[in-house]
Amino acid sequence: MTLSLEDRQQIEALPLCGTMLADCFDRIGVRSLAELADADAYQLRVKIASTCEDVRIDAFAVRGLHNAIAAARRVRNRRDGIPAESHHG
């Protein structure tokens, strides 16, 4: 297994990610959630589809990929001291 237990748990806790996407990330060689910060959802989808042939990447899974990328960017921004975007409405 390449994902640490902590990163796996963080990914599994993300909306629309769960165990399936954590397993796929592991199988394609992702070592940490932070590694996804600069990832492209389409490229991840293609890599997962070719590596994890037993997994169906539907619209929900694509949304999960986007959620994982966004979470990774938040982690990176916190680490780098970049404030979170504020939403005013």
PDB file of N, CA and C in Angstrom:
ATOM      1  N   MET A   1       0.856  -1.179   0.000  1.00  0.00           N
ATOM      2  CA  MET A   1       0.000   0.000   0.000  1.00  0.00           C
ATOM      3  C   MET A   1       0.899   1.239   0.000  1.00  0.00           C
ATOM      4  N   THR A   2       0.592   2.213  -0.838  1.00  0.00           N
ATOM      5  CA  THR A   2       1.423   3.401  -0.922  1.00  0.00           C
ATOM      6  C   THR A   2       0.854   4.571  -0.123  1.00  0.00           C
ATOM      7  N   LEU A   3      -0.448   4.624   0.046  1.00  0.00           N
ATOM      8  CA  LEU A   3      -1.054   5.704   0.832  1.00  0.00           C
ATOM      9  C   LEU A   3      -0.870   5.444   2.323  1.00  0.00           C
ATOM     10  N   SER A   4      -0.507   6.489   3.057  1.00  0.00           N
ATOM     11  CA  SER A   4      -0.440   6.328   4.511  1.00  0.00           C
ATOM     12  C   SER A   4      -1.863   6.143   5.039  1.00  0.00           C
ATOM     13  N   LEU A   5      -1.975   5.576   6.225  1.00  0.00           N
ATOM     14  CA  LEU A   5      -3.286   5.383   6.832  1.00  0.00           C
ATOM     15  C   LEU A   5      -3.995   6.722   7.009  1.00  0.00           C
ATOM     16  N   GLU A   6      -3.258   7.747   7.432  1.00  0.00           N
ATOM     17  CA  GLU A   6      -3.852   9.076   7.637  1.00  0.00           C
ATOM     18  C   GLU A   6      -4.399   9.654   6.334  1.00  0.00           C
ATOM     19  N   ASP A   7      -3.611   9.564   5.258  1.00  0.00           N
ATOM     20  CA  ASP A   7      -4.081  10.091   3.970  1.00  0.00           C
ATOM     21  C   ASP A   7      -5.267   9.284   3.454  1.00  0.00           C
ATOM     22  N   ARG A   8      -5.210   7.969   3.614  1.00  0.00           N
ATOM     23  CA  ARG A   8      -6.331   7.115   3.180  1.00  0.00           C
ATOM     24  C   ARG A   8      -7.610   7.516   3.918  1.00  0.00           C
ATOM     25  N   GLN A   9      -7.508   7.727   5.228  1.00  0.00           N
ATOM     26  CA  GLN A   9      -8.683   8.104   6.004  1.00  0.00           C
ATOM     27  C   GLN A   9      -9.223   9.470   5.573  1.00  0.00           C
ATOM     28  N   GLN A  10      -8.321  10.405   5.280  1.00  0.00           N
ATOM     29  CA  GLN A  10      -8.766  11.727   4.813  1.00  0.00           C
ATOM     30  C   GLN A  10      -9.490  11.613   3.483  1.00  0.00           C
ATOM     31  N   ILE A  11      -8.956  10.832   2.568  1.00  0.00           N
ATOM     32  CA  ILE A  11      -9.586  10.656   1.255  1.00  0.00           C
ATOM     33  C   ILE A  11     -10.926   9.947   1.403  1.00  0.00           C
ATOM     34  N   GLU A  12     -10.975   8.900   2.202  1.00  0.00           N
ATOM     35  CA  GLU A  12     -12.221   8.151   2.388  1.00  0.00           C
ATOM     36  C   GLU A  12     -13.313   9.016   3.006  1.00  0.00           C
ATOM     37  N   ALA A  13     -12.923  10.031   3.777  1.00  0.00           N
ATOM     38  CA  ALA A  13     -13.902  10.901   4.438  1.00  0.00           C
ATOM     39  C   ALA A  13     -14.442  11.996   3.513  1.00  0.00           C
ATOM     40  N   LEU A  14     -13.829  12.185   2.361  1.00  0.00           N
ATOM     41  CA  LEU A  14     -14.277  13.239   1.439  1.00  0.00           C
ATOM     42  C   LEU A  14     -15.570  12.836   0.743  1.00  0.00           C
ATOM     43  N   PRO A  15     -16.445  13.810   0.491  1.00  0.00           N
ATOM     44  CA  PRO A  15     -17.688  13.497  -0.218  1.00  0.00           C
ATOM     45  C   PRO A  15     -17.413  12.848  -1.576  1.00  0.00           C
ATOM     46  N   LEU A  16     -18.098  11.756  -1.828  1.00  0.00           N
ATOM     47  CA  LEU A  16     -18.051  11.006  -3.085  1.00  0.00           C
ATOM     48  C   LEU A  16     -16.705  10.373  -3.391  1.00  0.00           C
ATOM     49  N   CYS A  17     -15.840  10.249  -2.391  1.00  0.00           N
ATOM     50  CA  CYS A  17     -14.557   9.553  -2.589  1.00  0.00           C
ATOM     51  C   CYS A  17     -14.651   8.148  -2.028  1.00  0.00           C
ATOM     52  N   GLY A  18     -14.610   8.032  -0.730  1.00  0.00           N
ATOM     53  CA  GLY A  18     -14.751   6.739  -0.086  1.00  0.00           C
ATOM     54  C   GLY A  18     -13.620   5.777  -0.378  1.00  0.00           C
ATOM     55  N   THR A  19     -13.856   4.544  -0.003  1.00  0.00           N
ATOM     56  CA  THR A  19     -12.854   3.496  -0.128  1.00  0.00           C
ATOM     57  C   THR A  19     -12.479   3.234  -1.576  1.00  0.00           C
ATOM     58  N   MET A  20     -13.456   3.284  -2.482  1.00  0.00           N
ATOM     59  CA  MET A  20     -13.191   2.969  -3.879  1.00  0.00           C
ATOM     60  C   MET A  20     -12.135   3.899  -4.472  1.00  0.00           C
ATOM     61  N   LEU A  21     -12.311   5.217  -4.313  1.00  0.00           N
ATOM     62  CA  LEU A  21     -11.323   6.129  -4.889  1.00  0.00           C
ATOM     63  C   LEU A  21     -10.005   6.069  -4.130  1.00  0.00           C
ATOM     64  N   ALA A  22     -10.038   5.876  -2.817  1.00  0.00           N
ATOM     65  CA  ALA A  22      -8.787   5.720  -2.072  1.00  0.00           C
ATOM     66  C   ALA A  22      -8.019   4.515  -2.604  1.00  0.00           C
ATOM     67  N   ASP A  23      -8.716   3.410  -2.851  1.00  0.00           N
ATOM     68  CA  ASP A  23      -8.072   2.226  -3.426  1.00  0.00           C
ATOM     69  C   ASP A  23      -7.498   2.525  -4.806  1.00  0.00           C
ATOM     70  N   CYS A  24      -8.258   3.243  -5.617  1.00  0.00           N
ATOM     71  CA  CYS A  24      -7.783   3.588  -6.965  1.00  0.00           C
ATOM     72  C   CYS A  24      -6.557   4.482  -6.906  1.00  0.00           C
ATOM     73  N   PHE A  25      -6.584   5.478  -6.041  1.00  0.00           N
ATOM     74  CA  PHE A  25      -5.414   6.348  -5.893  1.00  0.00           C
ATOM     75  C   PHE A  25      -4.198   5.517  -5.498  1.00  0.00           C
ATOM     76  N   ASP A  26      -4.399   4.589  -4.578  1.00  0.00           N
ATOM     77  CA  ASP A  26      -3.325   3.707  -4.145  1.00  0.00           C
ATOM     78  C   ASP A  26      -2.797   2.891  -5.322  1.00  0.00           C
ATOM     79  N   ARG A  27      -3.692   2.354  -6.107  1.00  0.00           N
ATOM     80  CA  ARG A  27      -3.303   1.491  -7.234  1.00  0.00           C
ATOM     81  C   ARG A  27      -2.583   2.251  -8.337  1.00  0.00           C
ATOM     82  N   ILE A  28      -2.868   3.550  -8.488  1.00  0.00           N
ATOM     83  CA  ILE A  28      -2.168   4.317  -9.530  1.00  0.00           C
ATOM     84  C   ILE A  28      -0.906   4.995  -8.991  1.00  0.00           C
ATOM     85  N   GLY A  29      -0.589   4.751  -7.718  1.00  0.00           N
ATOM     86  CA  GLY A  29       0.669   5.224  -7.173  1.00  0.00           C
ATOM     87  C   GLY A  29       0.638   6.537  -6.428  1.00  0.00           C
ATOM     88  N   VAL A  30      -0.543   7.045  -6.118  1.00  0.00           N
ATOM     89  CA  VAL A  30      -0.630   8.273  -5.318  1.00  0.00           C
ATOM     90  C   VAL A  30      -0.164   7.935  -3.906  1.00  0.00           C
ATOM     91  N   ARG A  31       0.766   8.721  -3.388  1.00  0.00           N
ATOM     92  CA  ARG A  31       1.348   8.440  -2.075  1.00  0.00           C
ATOM     93  C   ARG A  31       0.751   9.288  -0.958  1.00  0.00           C
ATOM     94  N   SER A  32       0.094  10.415  -1.335  1.00  0.00           N
ATOM     95  CA  SER A  32      -0.486  11.282  -0.308  1.00  0.00           C
ATOM     96  C   SER A  32      -1.602  12.127  -0.901  1.00  0.00           C
ATOM     97  N   LEU A  33      -2.470  12.608  -0.027  1.00  0.00           N
ATOM     98  CA  LEU A  33      -3.530  13.518  -0.464  1.00  0.00           C
ATOM     99  C   LEU A  33      -2.917  14.764  -1.076  1.00  0.00           C
ATOM    100  N   ALA A  34      -1.867  15.294  -0.460  1.00  0.00           N
ATOM    101  CA  ALA A  34      -1.231  16.529  -0.946  1.00  0.00           C
ATOM    102  C   ALA A  34      -0.738  16.391  -2.384  1.00  0.00           C
ATOM    103  N   GLU A  35      -0.382  15.190  -2.771  1.00  0.00           N
ATOM    104  CA  GLU A  35       0.107  14.936  -4.128  1.00  0.00           C
ATOM    105  C   GLU A  35      -0.950  15.265  -5.189  1.00  0.00           C
ATOM    106  N   LEU A  36      -2.214  15.269  -4.799  1.00  0.00           N
ATOM    107  CA  LEU A  36      -3.300  15.530  -5.745  1.00  0.00           C
ATOM    108  C   LEU A  36      -3.541  17.016  -5.997  1.00  0.00           C
ATOM    109  N   ALA A  37      -2.845  17.896  -5.265  1.00  0.00           N
ATOM    110  CA  ALA A  37      -3.100  19.341  -5.354  1.00  0.00           C
ATOM    111  C   ALA A  37      -2.932  19.879  -6.775  1.00  0.00           C
ATOM    112  N   ASP A  38      -2.001  19.340  -7.516  1.00  0.00           N
ATOM    113  CA  ASP A  38      -1.762  19.819  -8.877  1.00  0.00           C
ATOM    114  C   ASP A  38      -2.289  18.859  -9.938  1.00  0.00           C
ATOM    115  N   ALA A  39      -3.098  17.918  -9.499  1.00  0.00           N
ATOM    116  CA  ALA A  39      -3.634  16.915 -10.423  1.00  0.00           C
ATOM    117  C   ALA A  39      -4.763  17.496 -11.265  1.00  0.00           C
ATOM    118  N   ASP A  40      -4.993  16.863 -12.384  1.00  0.00           N
ATOM    119  CA  ASP A  40      -6.086  17.196 -13.281  1.00  0.00           C
ATOM    120  C   ASP A  40      -7.101  16.057 -13.215  1.00  0.00           C
ATOM    121  N   ALA A  41      -8.352  16.383 -12.957  1.00  0.00           N
ATOM    122  CA  ALA A  41      -9.378  15.350 -12.785  1.00  0.00           C
ATOM    123  C   ALA A  41      -9.509  14.465 -14.022  1.00  0.00           C
ATOM    124  N   TYR A  42      -9.424  15.051 -15.209  1.00  0.00           N
ATOM    125  CA  TYR A  42      -9.548  14.249 -16.435  1.00  0.00           C
ATOM    126  C   TYR A  42      -8.396  13.257 -16.544  1.00  0.00           C
ATOM    127  N   GLN A  43      -7.164  13.723 -16.282  1.00  0.00           N
ATOM    128  CA  GLN A  43      -6.005  12.830 -16.365  1.00  0.00           C
ATOM    129  C   GLN A  43      -6.075  11.726 -15.312  1.00  0.00           C
ATOM    130  N   LEU A  44      -6.550  12.077 -14.110  1.00  0.00           N
ATOM    131  CA  LEU A  44      -6.739  11.054 -13.081  1.00  0.00           C
ATOM    132  C   LEU A  44      -7.764  10.017 -13.537  1.00  0.00           C
ATOM    133  N   ARG A  45      -8.845  10.498 -14.131  1.00  0.00           N
ATOM    134  CA  ARG A  45      -9.903   9.589 -14.598  1.00  0.00           C
ATOM    135  C   ARG A  45      -9.352   8.611 -15.627  1.00  0.00           C
ATOM    136  N   VAL A  46      -8.575   9.117 -16.572  1.00  0.00           N
ATOM    137  CA  VAL A  46      -7.997   8.260 -17.606  1.00  0.00           C
ATOM    138  C   VAL A  46      -7.053   7.234 -16.990  1.00  0.00           C
ATOM    139  N   LYS A  47      -6.213   7.685 -16.073  1.00  0.00           N
ATOM    140  CA  LYS A  47      -5.248   6.774 -15.435  1.00  0.00           C
ATOM    141  C   LYS A  47      -5.963   5.712 -14.601  1.00  0.00           C
ATOM    142  N   ILE A  48      -6.987   6.131 -13.866  1.00  0.00           N
ATOM    143  CA  ILE A  48      -7.748   5.165 -13.068  1.00  0.00           C
ATOM    144  C   ILE A  48      -8.462   4.172 -13.986  1.00  0.00           C
ATOM    145  N   ALA A  49      -9.078   4.672 -15.055  1.00  0.00           N
ATOM    146  CA  ALA A  49      -9.807   3.795 -15.970  1.00  0.00           C
ATOM    147  C   ALA A  49      -8.889   2.747 -16.597  1.00  0.00           C
ATOM    148  N   SER A  50      -7.650   3.130 -16.899  1.00  0.00           N
ATOM    149  CA  SER A  50      -6.736   2.171 -17.530  1.00  0.00           C
ATOM    150  C   SER A  50      -6.085   1.230 -16.514  1.00  0.00           C
ATOM    151  N   THR A  51      -5.959   1.671 -15.263  1.00  0.00           N
ATOM    152  CA  THR A  51      -5.300   0.862 -14.234  1.00  0.00           C
ATOM    153  C   THR A  51      -6.299   0.035 -13.429  1.00  0.00           C
ATOM    154  N   CYS A  52      -7.439   0.610 -13.148  1.00  0.00           N
ATOM    155  CA  CYS A  52      -8.455  -0.034 -12.302  1.00  0.00           C
ATOM    156  C   CYS A  52      -9.644  -0.426 -13.177  1.00  0.00           C
ATOM    157  N   GLU A  53      -9.423  -1.379 -14.032  1.00  0.00           N
ATOM    158  CA  GLU A  53     -10.435  -1.752 -15.020  1.00  0.00           C
ATOM    159  C   GLU A  53     -11.725  -2.264 -14.399  1.00  0.00           C
ATOM    160  N   ASP A  54     -11.659  -2.674 -13.138  1.00  0.00           N
ATOM    161  CA  ASP A  54     -12.841  -3.187 -12.452  1.00  0.00           C
ATOM    162  C   ASP A  54     -13.690  -2.069 -11.855  1.00  0.00           C
ATOM    163  N   VAL A  55     -13.245  -0.812 -12.014  1.00  0.00           N
ATOM    164  CA  VAL A  55     -13.933   0.335 -11.418  1.00  0.00           C
ATOM    165  C   VAL A  55     -14.612   1.145 -12.510  1.00  0.00           C
ATOM    166  N   ARG A  56     -15.859   1.501 -12.263  1.00  0.00           N
ATOM    167  CA  ARG A  56     -16.619   2.343 -13.199  1.00  0.00           C
ATOM    168  C   ARG A  56     -16.512   3.792 -12.718  1.00  0.00           C
ATOM    169  N   ILE A  57     -15.929   4.657 -13.554  1.00  0.00           N
ATOM    170  CA  ILE A  57     -15.772   6.062 -13.197  1.00  0.00           C
ATOM    171  C   ILE A  57     -16.965   6.818 -13.784  1.00  0.00           C
ATOM    172  N   ASP A  58     -18.014   6.941 -12.979  1.00  0.00           N
ATOM    173  CA  ASP A  58     -19.220   7.639 -13.407  1.00  0.00           C
ATOM    174  C   ASP A  58     -19.153   9.105 -12.975  1.00  0.00           C
ATOM    175  N   ALA A  59     -20.233   9.830 -13.161  1.00  0.00           N
ATOM    176  CA  ALA A  59     -20.263  11.258 -12.828  1.00  0.00           C
ATOM    177  C   ALA A  59     -20.008  11.505 -11.342  1.00  0.00           C
ATOM    178  N   PHE A  60     -20.476  10.605 -10.489  1.00  0.00           N
ATOM    179  CA  PHE A  60     -20.239  10.760  -9.050  1.00  0.00           C
ATOM    180  C   PHE A  60     -18.753  10.589  -8.726  1.00  0.00           C
ATOM    181  N   ALA A  61     -18.119   9.612  -9.362  1.00  0.00           N
ATOM    182  CA  ALA A  61     -16.689   9.392  -9.130  1.00  0.00           C
ATOM    183  C   ALA A  61     -15.871  10.583  -9.629  1.00  0.00           C
ATOM    184  N   VAL A  62     -16.278  11.157 -10.757  1.00  0.00           N
ATOM    185  CA  VAL A  62     -15.586  12.354 -11.267  1.00  0.00           C
ATOM    186  C   VAL A  62     -15.717  13.494 -10.260  1.00  0.00           C
ATOM    187  N   ARG A  63     -16.897  13.654  -9.694  1.00  0.00           N
ATOM    188  CA  ARG A  63     -17.079  14.684  -8.666  1.00  0.00           C
ATOM    189  C   ARG A  63     -16.186  14.387  -7.454  1.00  0.00           C
ATOM    190  N   GLY A  64     -16.045  13.112  -7.121  1.00  0.00           N
ATOM    191  CA  GLY A  64     -15.144  12.717  -6.050  1.00  0.00           C
ATOM    192  C   GLY A  64     -13.704  13.091  -6.357  1.00  0.00           C
ATOM    193  N   LEU A  65     -13.284  12.927  -7.618  1.00  0.00           N
ATOM    194  CA  LEU A  65     -11.937  13.337  -8.016  1.00  0.00           C
ATOM    195  C   LEU A  65     -11.748  14.833  -7.789  1.00  0.00           C
ATOM    196  N   HIS A  66     -12.745  15.618  -8.210  1.00  0.00           N
ATOM    197  CA  HIS A  66     -12.684  17.069  -8.000  1.00  0.00           C
ATOM    198  C   HIS A  66     -12.628  17.404  -6.507  1.00  0.00           C
ATOM    199  N   ASN A  67     -13.402  16.684  -5.695  1.00  0.00           N
ATOM    200  CA  ASN A  67     -13.395  16.919  -4.249  1.00  0.00           C
ATOM    201  C   ASN A  67     -12.019  16.615  -3.650  1.00  0.00           C
ATOM    202  N   ALA A  68     -11.387  15.542  -4.115  1.00  0.00           N
ATOM    203  CA  ALA A  68     -10.062  15.174  -3.605  1.00  0.00           C
ATOM    204  C   ALA A  68      -9.022  16.227  -3.998  1.00  0.00           C
ATOM    205  N   ILE A  69      -9.098  16.709  -5.224  1.00  0.00           N
ATOM    206  CA  ILE A  69      -8.163  17.738  -5.681  1.00  0.00           C
ATOM    207  C   ILE A  69      -8.358  19.017  -4.869  1.00  0.00           C
ATOM    208  N   ALA A  70      -9.608  19.413  -4.657  1.00  0.00           N
ATOM    209  CA  ALA A  70      -9.888  20.624  -3.872  1.00  0.00           C
ATOM    210  C   ALA A  70      -9.386  20.479  -2.440  1.00  0.00           C
ATOM    211  N   ALA A  71      -9.582  19.307  -1.845  1.00  0.00           N
ATOM    212  CA  ALA A  71      -9.114  19.077  -0.475  1.00  0.00           C
ATOM    213  C   ALA A  71      -7.588  19.134  -0.418  1.00  0.00           C
ATOM    214  N   ALA A  72      -6.939  18.576  -1.418  1.00  0.00           N
ATOM    215  CA  ALA A  72      -5.475  18.608  -1.463  1.00  0.00           C
ATOM    216  C   ALA A  72      -4.974  20.044  -1.573  1.00  0.00           C
ATOM    217  N   ARG A  73      -5.662  20.858  -2.343  1.00  0.00           N
ATOM    218  CA  ARG A  73      -5.269  22.262  -2.474  1.00  0.00           C
ATOM    219  C   ARG A  73      -5.472  23.015  -1.160  1.00  0.00           C
ATOM    220  N   ARG A  74      -6.537  22.693  -0.436  1.00  0.00           N
ATOM    221  CA  ARG A  74      -6.744  23.325   0.871  1.00  0.00           C
ATOM    222  C   ARG A  74      -5.627  22.961   1.845  1.00  0.00           C
ATOM    223  N   VAL A  75      -5.226  21.685   1.824  1.00  0.00           N
ATOM    224  CA  VAL A  75      -4.136  21.229   2.685  1.00  0.00           C
ATOM    225  C   VAL A  75      -2.854  21.980   2.330  1.00  0.00           C
ATOM    226  N   ARG A  76      -2.568  22.074   1.044  1.00  0.00           N
ATOM    227  CA  ARG A  76      -1.355  22.771   0.605  1.00  0.00           C
ATOM    228  C   ARG A  76      -1.405  24.240   1.003  1.00  0.00           C
ATOM    229  N   ASN A  77      -2.560  24.877   0.812  1.00  0.00           N
ATOM    230  CA  ASN A  77      -2.679  26.301   1.140  1.00  0.00           C
ATOM    231  C   ASN A  77      -2.502  26.543   2.633  1.00  0.00           C
ATOM    232  N   ARG A  78      -3.067  25.671   3.470  1.00  0.00           N
ATOM    233  CA  ARG A  78      -2.869  25.800   4.921  1.00  0.00           C
ATOM    234  C   ARG A  78      -1.396  25.640   5.273  1.00  0.00           C
ATOM    235  N   ARG A  79      -0.771  24.668   4.656  1.00  0.00           N
ATOM    236  CA  ARG A  79       0.654  24.429   4.903  1.00  0.00           C
ATOM    237  C   ARG A  79       1.490  25.642   4.501  1.00  0.00           C
ATOM    238  N   ASP A  80       1.109  26.287   3.395  1.00  0.00           N
ATOM    239  CA  ASP A  80       1.863  27.424   2.870  1.00  0.00           C
ATOM    240  C   ASP A  80       1.401  28.758   3.457  1.00  0.00           C
ATOM    241  N   GLY A  81       0.417  28.716   4.364  1.00  0.00           N
ATOM    242  CA  GLY A  81      -0.046  29.939   5.005  1.00  0.00           C
ATOM    243  C   GLY A  81      -0.932  30.822   4.139  1.00  0.00           C
ATOM    244  N   ILE A  82      -1.532  30.231   3.121  1.00  0.00           N
ATOM    245  CA  ILE A  82      -2.432  30.979   2.249  1.00  0.00           C
ATOM    246  C   ILE A  82      -3.832  30.923   2.857  1.00  0.00           C
ATOM    247  N   PRO A  83      -4.463  32.084   3.118  1.00  0.00           N
ATOM    248  CA  PRO A  83      -5.789  32.057   3.736  1.00  0.00           C
ATOM    249  C   PRO A  83      -6.827  31.413   2.821  1.00  0.00           C
ATOM    250  N   ALA A  84      -7.798  30.786   3.451  1.00  0.00           N
ATOM    251  CA  ALA A  84      -8.911  30.193   2.707  1.00  0.00           C
ATOM    252  C   ALA A  84      -9.721  31.283   2.058  1.00  0.00           C
ATOM    253  N   GLU A  85     -10.299  30.957   0.905  1.00  0.00           N
ATOM    254  CA  GLU A  85     -11.156  31.924   0.217  1.00  0.00           C
ATOM    255  C   GLU A  85     -12.382  32.198   1.085  1.00  0.00           C
ATOM    256  N   SER A  86     -12.723  33.458   1.179  1.00  0.00           N
ATOM    257  CA  SER A  86     -13.944  33.786   1.915  1.00  0.00           C
ATOM    258  C   SER A  86     -15.075  33.951   0.908  1.00  0.00           C
ATOM    259  N   HIS A  87     -16.243  33.512   1.320  1.00  0.00           N
ATOM    260  CA  HIS A  87     -17.422  33.595   0.462  1.00  0.00           C
ATOM    261  C   HIS A  87     -18.403  34.578   1.084  1.00  0.00           C
ATOM    262  N   HIS A  88     -18.643  35.647   0.395  1.00  0.00           N
ATOM    263  CA  HIS A  88     -19.592  36.641   0.866  1.00  0.00           C
ATOM    264  C   HIS A  88     -20.834  36.568   0.005  1.00  0.00           C
ATOM    265  N   GLY A  89     -21.990  36.658   0.621  1.00  0.00           N
ATOM    266  CA  GLY A  89     -23.179  36.507  -0.198  1.00  0.00           C
ATOM    267  C   GLY A  89     -24.266  37.401   0.166  1.00  0.00           C
TER     268      GLY A  89
END
